[in-house]
Amino acid sequence: MIDCAYCERPLLCDGCGTPFVPSSPEEYQALSWRDTPIRCPGCGMLLVCRWCKSPYDGRDGQPEGEDGDPTS
């Protein structure tokens, strides 16, 4: 099982409780790439940590409009 990159607790899907286990080395590496969304293997929804509610959505963690992009 993989730990959440944000809270360091076991990475469980907030939606269905499935532990996240990467199916390939590429999927494991994608956890480190903030621009790659990760989906839960159990329910297919965007992976969100059950404990800290951090989404693995491919965003950089900044709320929209705060990244300096004038179009946000």
Protein backbone atom coordinates (compact mmCIF):
# COMPACT_ATOMS: atom_id res chain seq x y z
CA MET A 1 0.00 0.00 0.00
CA ILE A 2 1.10 3.56 -0.75
CA ASP A 3 1.09 6.43 1.76
CA CYS A 4 -0.53 9.75 0.88
CA ALA A 5 2.05 12.29 -0.28
CA TYR A 6 0.33 14.98 1.80
CA CYS A 7 -0.56 13.42 5.18
CA GLU A 8 1.62 10.26 5.03
CA ARG A 9 -1.25 7.99 6.10
CA PRO A 10 -2.28 4.99 3.99
CA LEU A 11 -3.74 6.26 0.70
CA LEU A 12 -7.37 5.14 0.71
CA CYS A 13 -10.04 6.40 -1.70
CA ASP A 14 -12.39 8.81 0.08
CA GLY A 15 -15.28 7.58 -2.06
CA CYS A 16 -15.08 3.81 -1.69
CA GLY A 17 -12.29 3.12 0.82
CA THR A 18 -10.19 1.08 -1.61
CA PRO A 19 -6.46 1.17 -0.81
CA PHE A 20 -4.49 2.63 -3.70
CA VAL A 21 -2.00 0.16 -5.10
CA PRO A 22 -0.37 1.25 -8.37
CA SER A 23 -0.90 -1.27 -11.15
CA SER A 24 2.34 -0.37 -12.93
CA PRO A 25 5.62 1.48 -12.38
CA GLU A 26 4.24 4.28 -14.58
CA GLU A 27 1.19 4.68 -12.34
CA TYR A 28 3.46 4.75 -9.28
CA GLN A 29 5.59 7.49 -10.88
CA ALA A 30 2.45 9.47 -11.77
CA LEU A 31 1.87 10.02 -8.04
CA SER A 32 4.87 12.37 -8.10
CA TRP A 33 3.68 14.29 -11.15
CA ARG A 34 1.27 17.00 -10.06
CA ASP A 35 -0.06 17.39 -13.60
CA THR A 36 -1.28 13.79 -13.85
CA PRO A 37 -4.75 12.99 -12.42
CA ILE A 38 -5.05 9.62 -10.67
CA ARG A 39 -8.25 7.55 -10.62
CA CYS A 40 -9.26 5.05 -7.96
CA PRO A 41 -8.94 1.47 -9.23
CA GLY A 42 -12.01 0.47 -7.20
CA CYS A 43 -14.65 3.04 -8.18
CA GLY A 44 -12.99 4.88 -11.07
CA MET A 45 -13.51 8.30 -9.49
CA LEU A 46 -10.76 10.88 -9.05
CA LEU A 47 -8.55 9.70 -6.18
CA VAL A 48 -9.01 11.77 -3.00
CA CYS A 49 -7.25 10.80 0.24
CA ARG A 50 -9.77 9.60 2.82
CA TRP A 51 -7.81 11.20 5.69
CA CYS A 52 -6.73 14.67 4.52
CA LYS A 53 -9.10 15.02 1.53
CA SER A 54 -6.24 15.94 -0.81
CA PRO A 55 -7.24 15.28 -4.43
CA TYR A 56 -4.83 13.66 -6.85
CA ASP A 57 -6.40 15.73 -9.63
CA GLY A 58 -3.39 16.93 -11.56
CA ARG A 59 -3.54 20.48 -10.20
CA ASP A 60 -0.75 22.23 -8.34
CA GLY A 61 -2.73 22.71 -5.14
CA GLN A 62 -3.51 26.41 -5.62
CA PRO A 63 -7.14 27.52 -5.80
CA GLU A 64 -8.20 28.80 -9.21
CA GLY A 65 -7.30 32.43 -9.82
CA GLU A 66 -4.30 32.44 -7.48
CA ASP A 67 -1.73 31.07 -9.90
CA GLY A 68 -1.03 34.35 -11.64
CA ASP A 69 -3.02 33.36 -14.71
CA PRO A 70 -5.07 36.40 -15.74
CA THR A 71 -7.70 34.15 -17.34
CA SER A 72 -8.49 32.38 -14.06
